C-alpha atoms as a PDB file:
ATOM      1  CA  MET A   1      38.844  75.239  37.445  1.00  0.00           C
ATOM      2  CA  ALA A   2      36.671  78.297  37.073  1.00  0.00           C
ATOM      3  CA  THR A   3      33.616  78.420  34.848  1.00  0.00           C
ATOM      4  CA  LYS A   4      32.794  82.068  35.537  1.00  0.00           C
ATOM      5  CA  VAL A   5      34.620  85.361  35.847  1.00  0.00           C
ATOM      6  CA  ILE A   6      35.823  86.037  39.378  1.00  0.00           C
ATOM      7  CA  TYR A   7      36.197  89.645  40.497  1.00  0.00           C
ATOM      8  CA  SER A   8      36.917  89.626  44.214  1.00  0.00           C
ATOM      9  CA  PRO A   9      39.647  88.003  46.297  1.00  0.00           C
ATOM     10  CA  THR A  10      36.975  86.371  48.473  1.00  0.00           C
ATOM     11  CA  GLU A  11      35.325  84.776  45.437  1.00  0.00           C
ATOM     12  CA  THR A  12      38.772  83.562  44.373  1.00  0.00           C
ATOM     13  CA  ALA A  13      39.404  81.934  47.743  1.00  0.00           C
ATOM     14  CA  ASN A  14      35.963  80.306  47.707  1.00  0.00           C
ATOM     15  CA  LEU A  15      36.533  78.915  44.232  1.00  0.00           C
ATOM     16  CA  CYS A  16      39.970  77.555  45.112  1.00  0.00           C
ATOM     17  CA  SER A  17      38.649  75.942  48.297  1.00  0.00           C
ATOM     18  CA  ARG A  18      36.215  73.802  46.311  1.00  0.00           C
ATOM     19  CA  CYS A  19      39.092  71.582  45.230  1.00  0.00           C
ATOM     20  CA  HIS A  20      42.076  72.431  47.403  1.00  0.00           C
ATOM     21  CA  ASP A  21      40.246  72.407  50.726  1.00  0.00           C
ATOM     22  CA  SER A  22      38.293  69.263  50.016  1.00  0.00           C
ATOM     23  CA  ILE A  23      38.721  65.668  51.097  1.00  0.00           C
ATOM     24  CA  ASN A  24      37.970  64.750  47.473  1.00  0.00           C
ATOM     25  CA  SER A  25      41.116  66.470  46.269  1.00  0.00           C
ATOM     26  CA  LEU A  26      44.015  64.321  45.184  1.00  0.00           C
ATOM     27  CA  LYS A  27      46.311  66.317  47.445  1.00  0.00           C
ATOM     28  CA  PRO A  28      44.459  68.557  49.904  1.00  0.00           C
ATOM     29  CA  SER A  29      46.085  71.987  50.176  1.00  0.00           C
ATOM     30  CA  PRO A  30      43.956  74.076  52.527  1.00  0.00           C
ATOM     31  CA  GLU A  31      46.494  76.941  52.471  1.00  0.00           C
ATOM     32  CA  ILE A  32      45.978  77.606  48.753  1.00  0.00           C
ATOM     33  CA  PRO A  33      42.631  79.447  49.034  1.00  0.00           C
ATOM     34  CA  ALA A  34      44.074  81.912  51.552  1.00  0.00           C
ATOM     35  CA  ARG A  35      47.213  82.432  49.469  1.00  0.00           C
ATOM     36  CA  ALA A  36      45.121  82.922  46.329  1.00  0.00           C
ATOM     37  CA  LYS A  37      43.027  85.528  48.135  1.00  0.00           C
ATOM     38  CA  GLU A  38      46.154  87.373  49.310  1.00  0.00           C
ATOM     39  CA  THR A  39      47.615  87.255  45.807  1.00  0.00           C
ATOM     40  CA  MET A  40      44.422  88.649  44.271  1.00  0.00           C
ATOM     41  CA  MET A  41      44.407  91.405  46.885  1.00  0.00           C
ATOM     42  CA  ALA A  42      48.014  92.240  45.979  1.00  0.00           C
ATOM     43  CA  LEU A  43      47.060  92.435  42.283  1.00  0.00           C
ATOM     44  CA  GLN A  44      44.149  94.747  43.111  1.00  0.00           C
ATOM     45  CA  GLN A  45      46.281  96.936  45.357  1.00  0.00           C
ATOM     46  CA  ALA A  46      48.909  97.307  42.630  1.00  0.00           C
ATOM     47  CA  GLY A  47      46.176  98.126  40.119  1.00  0.00           C
ATOM     48  CA  TYR A  48      44.737 100.832  42.359  1.00  0.00           C
ATOM     49  CA  VAL A  49      48.053 102.570  42.933  1.00  0.00           C
ATOM     50  CA  ILE A  50      48.916 102.384  39.221  1.00  0.00           C
ATOM     51  CA  ASN A  51      45.530 103.857  38.302  1.00  0.00           C
ATOM     52  CA  TRP A  52      46.159 106.646  40.810  1.00  0.00           C
ATOM     53  CA  GLY A  53      49.555 107.282  39.223  1.00  0.00           C
ATOM     54  CA  GLY A  54      47.937 107.412  35.794  1.00  0.00           C
ATOM     55  CA  LEU A  55      45.487 110.057  36.958  1.00  0.00           C
ATOM     56  CA  LEU A  56      48.342 112.111  38.395  1.00  0.00           C
ATOM     57  CA  LEU A  57      50.260 111.774  35.119  1.00  0.00           C
ATOM     58  CA  ASP A  58      47.240 113.028  33.185  1.00  0.00           C
ATOM     59  CA  ASN A  59      46.924 115.965  35.564  1.00  0.00           C
ATOM     60  CA  GLY A  60      50.623 116.797  35.199  1.00  0.00           C
ATOM     61  CA  ARG A  61      50.325 116.727  31.413  1.00  0.00           C
ATOM     62  CA  ARG A  62      47.450 119.213  31.600  1.00  0.00           C
ATOM     63  CA  TRP A  63      49.817 121.524  33.506  1.00  0.00           C
ATOM     64  CA  ASN A  64      52.491 120.959  30.814  1.00  0.00           C
ATOM     65  CA  LEU A  65      54.993 119.539  33.299  1.00  0.00           C
ATOM     66  CA  SER A  66      58.019 117.590  32.086  1.00  0.00           C
ATOM     67  CA  LEU A  67      57.148 114.038  33.086  1.00  0.00           C
ATOM     68  CA  ASN A  68      59.332 111.870  30.829  1.00  0.00           C
ATOM     69  CA  GLU A  69      61.045 110.002  33.674  1.00  0.00           C
ATOM     70  CA  ALA A  70      57.793 109.487  35.577  1.00  0.00           C
ATOM     71  CA  THR A  71      56.088 108.313  32.381  1.00  0.00           C
ATOM     72  CA  ASN A  72      58.807 105.708  31.768  1.00  0.00           C
ATOM     73  CA  GLU A  73      58.658 104.472  35.361  1.00  0.00           C
ATOM     74  CA  PHE A  74      54.869 104.363  35.153  1.00  0.00           C
ATOM     75  CA  LYS A  75      55.005 102.250  31.988  1.00  0.00           C
ATOM     76  CA  THR A  76      57.393  99.853  33.721  1.00  0.00           C
ATOM     77  CA  ALA A  77      55.010  99.516  36.670  1.00  0.00           C
ATOM     78  CA  GLU A  78      52.069  98.950  34.308  1.00  0.00           C
ATOM     79  CA  GLU A  79      53.976  96.288  32.388  1.00  0.00           C
ATOM     80  CA  THR A  80      55.000  94.520  35.600  1.00  0.00           C
ATOM     81  CA  LEU A  81      51.363  94.389  36.689  1.00  0.00           C
ATOM     82  CA  ARG A  82      50.252  93.198  33.248  1.00  0.00           C
ATOM     83  CA  GLU A  83      52.808  90.367  33.398  1.00  0.00           C
ATOM     84  CA  ALA A  84      51.650  89.414  36.904  1.00  0.00           C
ATOM     85  CA  ARG A  85      48.044  89.217  35.727  1.00  0.00           C
ATOM     86  CA  VAL A  86      49.044  86.970  32.844  1.00  0.00           C
ATOM     87  CA  LYS A  87      51.190  84.838  35.144  1.00  0.00           C
ATOM     88  CA  TRP A  88      48.162  84.378  37.426  1.00  0.00           C
ATOM     89  CA  ARG A  89      46.939  81.778  34.960  1.00  0.00           C
ATOM     90  CA  THR A  90      49.991  79.614  35.704  1.00  0.00           C
ATOM     91  CA  PHE A  91      48.785  79.264  39.319  1.00  0.00           C
ATOM     92  CA  ASP A  92      52.319  79.993  40.573  1.00  0.00           C
ATOM     93  CA  LEU A  93      51.051  82.089  43.473  1.00  0.00           C
ATOM     94  CA  ASP A  94      54.496  82.966  44.836  1.00  0.00           C
ATOM     95  CA  ALA A  95      55.741  84.339  41.509  1.00  0.00           C
ATOM     96  CA  VAL A  96      52.521  86.266  40.886  1.00  0.00           C
ATOM     97  CA  ARG A  97      52.573  87.754  44.388  1.00  0.00           C
ATOM     98  CA  LYS A  98      56.201  88.798  43.972  1.00  0.00           C
ATOM     99  CA  GLN A  99      55.426  90.548  40.664  1.00  0.00           C
ATOM    100  CA  ALA A 100      52.295  92.190  42.067  1.00  0.00           C
ATOM    101  CA  ASP A 101      54.273  93.523  45.025  1.00  0.00           C
ATOM    102  CA  GLU A 102      56.976  94.770  42.660  1.00  0.00           C
ATOM    103  CA  ALA A 103      54.362  96.567  40.551  1.00  0.00           C
ATOM    104  CA  PHE A 104      52.877  98.101  43.700  1.00  0.00           C
ATOM    105  CA  ILE A 105      56.267  99.389  44.846  1.00  0.00           C
ATOM    106  CA  LYS A 106      57.070 100.833  41.426  1.00  0.00           C
ATOM    107  CA  GLY A 107      53.614 102.369  41.119  1.00  0.00           C
ATOM    108  CA  SER A 108      53.821 103.844  44.619  1.00  0.00           C
ATOM    109  CA  LYS A 109      57.169 105.425  43.811  1.00  0.00           C
ATOM    110  CA  VAL A 110      55.743 107.065  40.690  1.00  0.00           C
ATOM    111  CA  LYS A 111      52.608 108.192  42.534  1.00  0.00           C
ATOM    112  CA  ASP A 112      54.612 109.708  45.375  1.00  0.00           C
ATOM    113  CA  GLU A 113      56.987 111.531  43.016  1.00  0.00           C
ATOM    114  CA  LEU A 114      54.077 112.910  41.012  1.00  0.00           C
ATOM    115  CA  ARG A 115      52.237 114.052  44.133  1.00  0.00           C
ATOM    116  CA  LYS A 116      55.331 116.036  45.129  1.00  0.00           C
ATOM    117  CA  LYS A 117      55.658 117.563  41.659  1.00  0.00           C
ATOM    118  CA  LEU A 118      52.003 118.495  41.588  1.00  0.00           C
ATOM    119  CA  GLY A 119      52.064 119.901  45.105  1.00  0.00           C
ATOM    120  CA  SER A 120      49.440 117.435  46.343  1.00  0.00           C
ATOM    121  CA  GLU A 121      51.111 116.797  49.680  1.00  0.00           C
END
């Protein structure tokens, strides 16, 4: 288990490999560090696209655009990502990855719709 805050997917993989990629482990699972790294990368990617969507929403509000639908979809994407981050602590990598990917897809949809509305494309 971790005794410090981990910020990067590489640090996550290194931490996981201490136990799961070791001959001292009860059940060696060398695939777990790589999967943990991929899952952390998916969480980061979803976070980036949701942050981008949030900036576009703020910009649209400054232009007094009607963004109720986009705001609701954005909140759903944010909540999905928040749940994935909480679920990370269960170490169910498949479920976390699925939620992170779902948040990314939702966030990308909002971002793309807002870019069209704002004329950014």
